[in-house]
Amino acid sequence: MLTELTALVQSSQQAAGSTVGTGFIALFLTLAVLLSIRRIRSSIYGAKFSKRRLFFRAAAYLILTTAGLFSAGPYALEIYMTLALIPPGMLAGLKWGSAADFFYVGSQVYYRRSFLIVVLWLVTFIGKVLGEVLFPDQFAAVFVIAVLLSSLTGVILGETVAVQRSFAEFRYSATQQG
């Protein structure tokens, strides 16, 4: 099964003249899946709050998304249109991120975020990478997926900002109570 999939990927890449190797794609998918699994786990059980971790994860999603735009080739329209959709996604993320749940485990602050957003991002990211590899001649379909991916990346970035704001409010209310 794996050899058949590898052969299909290589033949579709040769037909489209793609220079992206299967190792590069596997690395991309592995990083996205590992990052998303950690995020889903922390969304369910909570994660220790730190600004560094919060912004590092958002930066990782942004890097994976923008690197994914350049992986299939220099399609200027795709790159500009999808990057332009990150700011509107951030506006939606600002709304959803304000629903973060903060709590204490001992003296450490933990928080939970929406795991639906990261699951949607992961599915979209995998769909885009596989679409580029398996169906390189279907530019319109890959473009639509790239638009969704960029919008969801914007949502994650906006959610990050909103979580930081919510934490400041949580910390302020905790100092007022005790």
Foldseek 3Di string as FASTA:
>chain_A
DVVVVQVLLVVQCVVVVFPFDPVNLVVLLVVLVVLLVVQLVCQVVWDFDDLVVLVVSLVVLVVSLLVLQPRRHCPPVLNVLQLVLLQVLLVLLLVQLLPKDWDDDDNTITIHHDSVLSVQLSVLSVVLSCCCRNPVVPVVVSSVSSNVNSSSSSSSVNSSVNNVVNVVVVVVVVVVVD
